[in-house]
Amino acid sequence: MRHKPLLIALVGLLLAASAHAQWKWRDAKGNVQYSDMPPPAGTPEKDILQRPPGARPTIVVSPPPSPASAAPAPARPASAPTKAEQDAAARQKREQDGAAAKQKEEEQRIAAIRRDNCARAQSNMRELQSGTRMTRTNDKGERIFLDEAQLAAEVARTRDTITSECR
């Protein structure tokens, strides 16, 4: 049992020696730092002032640049889209489909109006060219007959309507 205190003292010395193993380095601001942990990655070798016994310098070997590495790497590897991304894409597609459907409906409505205007203008042109006397109602509600100049102006206006609406 006499060796037990000696053994405890020896273990204590070993533990004290390992606790005394410290790193000493200069940080980016120039301050000296002490720690039982190595300095952060990226600390230049010249700024590491002391290592614990047995610690070897870290050697960083970077591969030579290859032509392929000159091209920028993609932001993230191609992977399956997340659920949120899928939902957003589906919502965007529905909105685009809805907008396309509304646009198509509007185009169909305008086409129907144009067909109706065309049919009316063609009917009006047939009446103007029939040779019958044309009348209009004035502001007082009286019926007046169109003279040759008024009739020619009405034919020209109707012809313009047919040109623009009957495509």
C-alpha atoms as a PDB file:
ATOM      1  CA  MET A   1       0.000   0.000   0.000  1.00  0.00           C
ATOM      2  CA  ARG A   2       2.998   2.305   0.280  1.00  0.00           C
ATOM      3  CA  HIS A   3       3.076   2.639  -3.488  1.00  0.00           C
ATOM      4  CA  LYS A   4      -0.459   3.984  -3.712  1.00  0.00           C
ATOM      5  CA  PRO A   5       0.446   7.612  -2.782  1.00  0.00           C
ATOM      6  CA  LEU A   6       3.331   7.461  -5.222  1.00  0.00           C
ATOM      7  CA  LEU A   7       1.032   6.215  -7.952  1.00  0.00           C
ATOM      8  CA  ILE A   8      -1.475   8.981  -7.225  1.00  0.00           C
ATOM      9  CA  ALA A   9       1.282  11.594  -7.360  1.00  0.00           C
ATOM     10  CA  LEU A  10       2.536  10.218 -10.675  1.00  0.00           C
ATOM     11  CA  VAL A  11      -0.965  10.290 -12.190  1.00  0.00           C
ATOM     12  CA  GLY A  12      -1.412  13.839 -10.867  1.00  0.00           C
ATOM     13  CA  LEU A  13       1.808  14.937 -12.556  1.00  0.00           C
ATOM     14  CA  LEU A  14       0.757  13.404 -15.846  1.00  0.00           C
ATOM     15  CA  LEU A  15      -2.612  15.144 -15.664  1.00  0.00           C
ATOM     16  CA  ALA A  16      -0.982  18.442 -14.757  1.00  0.00           C
ATOM     17  CA  ALA A  17       1.422  18.128 -17.667  1.00  0.00           C
ATOM     18  CA  SER A  18      -1.436  17.525 -20.098  1.00  0.00           C
ATOM     19  CA  ALA A  19      -3.439  20.416 -18.615  1.00  0.00           C
ATOM     20  CA  HIS A  20      -0.406  22.627 -19.077  1.00  0.00           C
ATOM     21  CA  ALA A  21      -0.278  21.772 -22.797  1.00  0.00           C
ATOM     22  CA  GLN A  22      -1.485  24.973 -24.368  1.00  0.00           C
ATOM     23  CA  TRP A  23      -1.719  26.576 -27.747  1.00  0.00           C
ATOM     24  CA  LYS A  24      -0.659  30.164 -28.244  1.00  0.00           C
ATOM     25  CA  TRP A  25      -1.484  32.126 -31.406  1.00  0.00           C
ATOM     26  CA  ARG A  26      -2.167  35.611 -32.711  1.00  0.00           C
ATOM     27  CA  ASP A  27      -5.729  36.205 -33.904  1.00  0.00           C
ATOM     28  CA  ALA A  28      -6.819  38.290 -36.908  1.00  0.00           C
ATOM     29  CA  LYS A  29      -6.867  41.469 -34.779  1.00  0.00           C
ATOM     30  CA  GLY A  30      -3.299  40.869 -33.575  1.00  0.00           C
ATOM     31  CA  ASN A  31      -4.248  39.806 -30.008  1.00  0.00           C
ATOM     32  CA  VAL A  32      -2.399  36.849 -28.471  1.00  0.00           C
ATOM     33  CA  GLN A  33      -4.753  33.990 -27.592  1.00  0.00           C
ATOM     34  CA  TYR A  34      -4.155  31.008 -25.248  1.00  0.00           C
ATOM     35  CA  SER A  35      -6.183  27.820 -25.277  1.00  0.00           C
ATOM     36  CA  ASP A  36      -5.978  24.081 -24.717  1.00  0.00           C
ATOM     37  CA  MET A  37      -7.682  23.751 -28.133  1.00  0.00           C
ATOM     38  CA  PRO A  38      -5.918  24.421 -31.428  1.00  0.00           C
ATOM     39  CA  PRO A  39      -6.525  27.793 -33.117  1.00  0.00           C
ATOM     40  CA  PRO A  40      -9.439  28.112 -35.524  1.00  0.00           C
ATOM     41  CA  ALA A  41      -9.051  26.739 -39.020  1.00  0.00           C
ATOM     42  CA  GLY A  42      -7.587  29.273 -41.383  1.00  0.00           C
ATOM     43  CA  THR A  43      -5.148  30.749 -38.830  1.00  0.00           C
ATOM     44  CA  PRO A  44      -1.895  31.305 -40.736  1.00  0.00           C
ATOM     45  CA  GLU A  45       1.034  29.128 -39.643  1.00  0.00           C
ATOM     46  CA  LYS A  46       3.172  32.212 -38.935  1.00  0.00           C
ATOM     47  CA  ASP A  47       0.623  33.358 -36.318  1.00  0.00           C
ATOM     48  CA  ILE A  48       0.793  30.115 -34.284  1.00  0.00           C
ATOM     49  CA  LEU A  49       3.331  31.012 -31.584  1.00  0.00           C
ATOM     50  CA  GLN A  50       3.316  27.840 -29.430  1.00  0.00           C
ATOM     51  CA  ARG A  51       2.089  24.279 -29.707  1.00  0.00           C
ATOM     52  CA  PRO A  52       1.763  21.627 -27.034  1.00  0.00           C
ATOM     53  CA  PRO A  53       4.515  18.989 -27.094  1.00  0.00           C
ATOM     54  CA  GLY A  54       3.858  16.398 -29.737  1.00  0.00           C
ATOM     55  CA  ALA A  55       1.475  18.622 -31.753  1.00  0.00           C
ATOM     56  CA  ARG A  56       2.580  18.854 -35.336  1.00  0.00           C
ATOM     57  CA  PRO A  57       1.906  21.739 -37.668  1.00  0.00           C
ATOM     58  CA  THR A  58      -1.075  21.238 -39.883  1.00  0.00           C
ATOM     59  CA  ILE A  59      -0.119  21.031 -43.515  1.00  0.00           C
ATOM     60  CA  VAL A  60      -2.793  22.121 -45.903  1.00  0.00           C
ATOM     61  CA  VAL A  61      -2.264  20.862 -49.410  1.00  0.00           C
ATOM     62  CA  SER A  62      -4.482  22.403 -52.020  1.00  0.00           C
ATOM     63  CA  PRO A  63      -4.800  20.627 -55.352  1.00  0.00           C
ATOM     64  CA  PRO A  64      -3.588  22.490 -58.410  1.00  0.00           C
ATOM     65  CA  PRO A  65      -6.361  24.360 -60.173  1.00  0.00           C
ATOM     66  CA  SER A  66      -7.905  22.415 -62.993  1.00  0.00           C
ATOM     67  CA  PRO A  67      -9.647  23.917 -66.014  1.00  0.00           C
ATOM     68  CA  ALA A  68     -12.953  22.582 -64.729  1.00  0.00           C
ATOM     69  CA  SER A  69     -12.518  24.341 -61.384  1.00  0.00           C
ATOM     70  CA  ALA A  70     -12.189  27.681 -63.157  1.00  0.00           C
ATOM     71  CA  ALA A  71     -15.887  27.512 -63.987  1.00  0.00           C
ATOM     72  CA  PRO A  72     -18.170  28.602 -61.164  1.00  0.00           C
ATOM     73  CA  ALA A  73     -19.756  25.746 -59.275  1.00  0.00           C
ATOM     74  CA  PRO A  74     -23.532  25.560 -59.144  1.00  0.00           C
ATOM     75  CA  ALA A  75     -25.062  27.216 -56.100  1.00  0.00           C
ATOM     76  CA  ARG A  76     -26.302  23.901 -54.777  1.00  0.00           C
ATOM     77  CA  PRO A  77     -26.309  20.388 -56.080  1.00  0.00           C
ATOM     78  CA  ALA A  78     -29.244  19.382 -58.190  1.00  0.00           C
ATOM     79  CA  SER A  79     -31.650  17.622 -55.899  1.00  0.00           C
ATOM     80  CA  ALA A  80     -35.298  16.865 -55.724  1.00  0.00           C
ATOM     81  CA  PRO A  81     -37.351  19.989 -54.979  1.00  0.00           C
ATOM     82  CA  THR A  82     -38.685  20.345 -51.451  1.00  0.00           C
ATOM     83  CA  LYS A  83     -42.385  20.126 -50.662  1.00  0.00           C
ATOM     84  CA  ALA A  84     -42.567  23.923 -50.303  1.00  0.00           C
ATOM     85  CA  GLU A  85     -40.892  24.367 -53.700  1.00  0.00           C
ATOM     86  CA  GLN A  86     -43.297  21.873 -55.279  1.00  0.00           C
ATOM     87  CA  ASP A  87     -46.278  23.671 -53.732  1.00  0.00           C
ATOM     88  CA  ALA A  88     -45.005  27.059 -54.923  1.00  0.00           C
ATOM     89  CA  ALA A  89     -44.442  25.712 -58.446  1.00  0.00           C
ATOM     90  CA  ALA A  90     -47.943  24.179 -58.527  1.00  0.00           C
ATOM     91  CA  ARG A  91     -49.489  27.440 -57.268  1.00  0.00           C
ATOM     92  CA  GLN A  92     -47.570  29.437 -59.893  1.00  0.00           C
ATOM     93  CA  LYS A  93     -48.713  27.033 -62.649  1.00  0.00           C
ATOM     94  CA  ARG A  94     -52.354  27.370 -61.522  1.00  0.00           C
ATOM     95  CA  GLU A  95     -52.036  31.162 -61.565  1.00  0.00           C
ATOM     96  CA  GLN A  96     -50.492  31.103 -65.045  1.00  0.00           C
ATOM     97  CA  ASP A  97     -53.191  28.715 -66.294  1.00  0.00           C
ATOM     98  CA  GLY A  98     -55.885  30.949 -64.777  1.00  0.00           C
ATOM     99  CA  ALA A  99     -54.384  34.064 -66.372  1.00  0.00           C
ATOM    100  CA  ALA A 100     -54.132  32.280 -69.736  1.00  0.00           C
ATOM    101  CA  ALA A 101     -57.759  31.135 -69.473  1.00  0.00           C
ATOM    102  CA  LYS A 102     -58.920  34.681 -68.627  1.00  0.00           C
ATOM    103  CA  GLN A 103     -56.940  36.071 -71.544  1.00  0.00           C
ATOM    104  CA  LYS A 104     -58.445  33.482 -73.884  1.00  0.00           C
ATOM    105  CA  GLU A 105     -61.969  34.317 -72.637  1.00  0.00           C
ATOM    106  CA  GLU A 106     -61.310  38.030 -73.189  1.00  0.00           C
ATOM    107  CA  GLU A 107     -60.022  37.367 -76.716  1.00  0.00           C
ATOM    108  CA  GLN A 108     -63.121  35.276 -77.456  1.00  0.00           C
ATOM    109  CA  ARG A 109     -65.399  38.025 -76.090  1.00  0.00           C
ATOM    110  CA  ILE A 110     -63.667  40.650 -78.258  1.00  0.00           C
ATOM    111  CA  ALA A 111     -63.867  38.358 -81.315  1.00  0.00           C
ATOM    112  CA  ALA A 112     -67.622  37.911 -80.751  1.00  0.00           C
ATOM    113  CA  ILE A 113     -68.103  41.696 -80.507  1.00  0.00           C
ATOM    114  CA  ARG A 114     -66.111  42.185 -83.713  1.00  0.00           C
ATOM    115  CA  ARG A 115     -68.194  39.546 -85.557  1.00  0.00           C
ATOM    116  CA  ASP A 116     -71.372  41.304 -84.417  1.00  0.00           C
ATOM    117  CA  ASN A 117     -70.033  44.731 -85.480  1.00  0.00           C
ATOM    118  CA  CYS A 118     -68.978  43.284 -88.837  1.00  0.00           C
ATOM    119  CA  ALA A 119     -72.411  41.768 -89.471  1.00  0.00           C
ATOM    120  CA  ARG A 120     -74.151  45.052 -88.579  1.00  0.00           C
ATOM    121  CA  ALA A 121     -71.798  47.101 -90.765  1.00  0.00           C
ATOM    122  CA  GLN A 122     -72.320  44.754 -93.738  1.00  0.00           C
ATOM    123  CA  SER A 123     -76.084  44.922 -93.275  1.00  0.00           C
ATOM    124  CA  ASN A 124     -75.894  48.722 -93.051  1.00  0.00           C
ATOM    125  CA  MET A 125     -73.776  48.835 -96.250  1.00  0.00           C
ATOM    126  CA  ARG A 126     -76.381  46.735 -98.127  1.00  0.00           C
ATOM    127  CA  GLU A 127     -79.089  49.194 -97.095  1.00  0.00           C
ATOM    128  CA  LEU A 128     -76.957  52.201 -98.071  1.00  0.00           C
ATOM    129  CA  GLN A 129     -76.260  50.699-101.507  1.00  0.00           C
ATOM    130  CA  SER A 130     -79.860  49.568-102.115  1.00  0.00           C
ATOM    131  CA  GLY A 131     -80.879  52.972-103.502  1.00  0.00           C
ATOM    132  CA  THR A 132     -83.665  53.589-101.013  1.00  0.00           C
ATOM    133  CA  ARG A 133     -83.877  56.977 -99.419  1.00  0.00           C
ATOM    134  CA  MET A 134     -82.171  56.963 -96.009  1.00  0.00           C
ATOM    135  CA  THR A 135     -83.532  58.890 -93.044  1.00  0.00           C
ATOM    136  CA  ARG A 136     -82.315  59.907 -89.644  1.00  0.00           C
ATOM    137  CA  THR A 137     -83.991  61.356 -86.610  1.00  0.00           C
ATOM    138  CA  ASN A 138     -82.711  64.769 -85.526  1.00  0.00           C
ATOM    139  CA  ASP A 139     -82.455  66.233 -82.005  1.00  0.00           C
ATOM    140  CA  LYS A 140     -86.082  67.355 -82.098  1.00  0.00           C
ATOM    141  CA  GLY A 141     -87.250  63.831 -82.978  1.00  0.00           C
ATOM    142  CA  GLU A 142     -88.048  64.792 -86.566  1.00  0.00           C
ATOM    143  CA  ARG A 143     -87.267  62.497 -89.462  1.00  0.00           C
ATOM    144  CA  ILE A 144     -84.880  63.991 -92.028  1.00  0.00           C
ATOM    145  CA  PHE A 145     -83.661  62.536 -95.347  1.00  0.00           C
ATOM    146  CA  LEU A 146     -79.939  62.201 -96.068  1.00  0.00           C
ATOM    147  CA  ASP A 147     -78.629  64.172 -99.023  1.00  0.00           C
ATOM    148  CA  GLU A 148     -75.920  62.845-101.395  1.00  0.00           C
ATOM    149  CA  ALA A 149     -72.993  64.216 -99.277  1.00  0.00           C
ATOM    150  CA  GLN A 150     -74.400  62.764 -96.057  1.00  0.00           C
ATOM    151  CA  LEU A 151     -75.031  59.441 -97.792  1.00  0.00           C
ATOM    152  CA  ALA A 152     -71.426  59.354 -99.149  1.00  0.00           C
ATOM    153  CA  ALA A 153     -70.073  60.130 -95.648  1.00  0.00           C
ATOM    154  CA  GLU A 154     -72.184  57.311 -94.177  1.00  0.00           C
ATOM    155  CA  VAL A 155     -70.930  54.872 -96.854  1.00  0.00           C
ATOM    156  CA  ALA A 156     -67.292  55.853 -96.094  1.00  0.00           C
ATOM    157  CA  ARG A 157     -67.825  55.413 -92.323  1.00  0.00           C
ATOM    158  CA  THR A 158     -69.465  52.019 -92.841  1.00  0.00           C
ATOM    159  CA  ARG A 159     -66.685  50.918 -95.220  1.00  0.00           C
ATOM    160  CA  ASP A 160     -64.070  51.851 -92.514  1.00  0.00           C
ATOM    161  CA  THR A 161     -66.019  49.827 -89.943  1.00  0.00           C
ATOM    162  CA  ILE A 162     -66.120  46.815 -92.259  1.00  0.00           C
ATOM    163  CA  THR A 163     -62.375  47.137 -92.903  1.00  0.00           C
ATOM    164  CA  SER A 164     -61.519  47.239 -89.192  1.00  0.00           C
ATOM    165  CA  GLU A 165     -64.056  44.697 -87.875  1.00  0.00           C
ATOM    166  CA  CYS A 166     -64.339  42.105 -90.656  1.00  0.00           C
ATOM    167  CA  ARG A 167     -60.954  40.402 -90.703  1.00  0.00           C
END
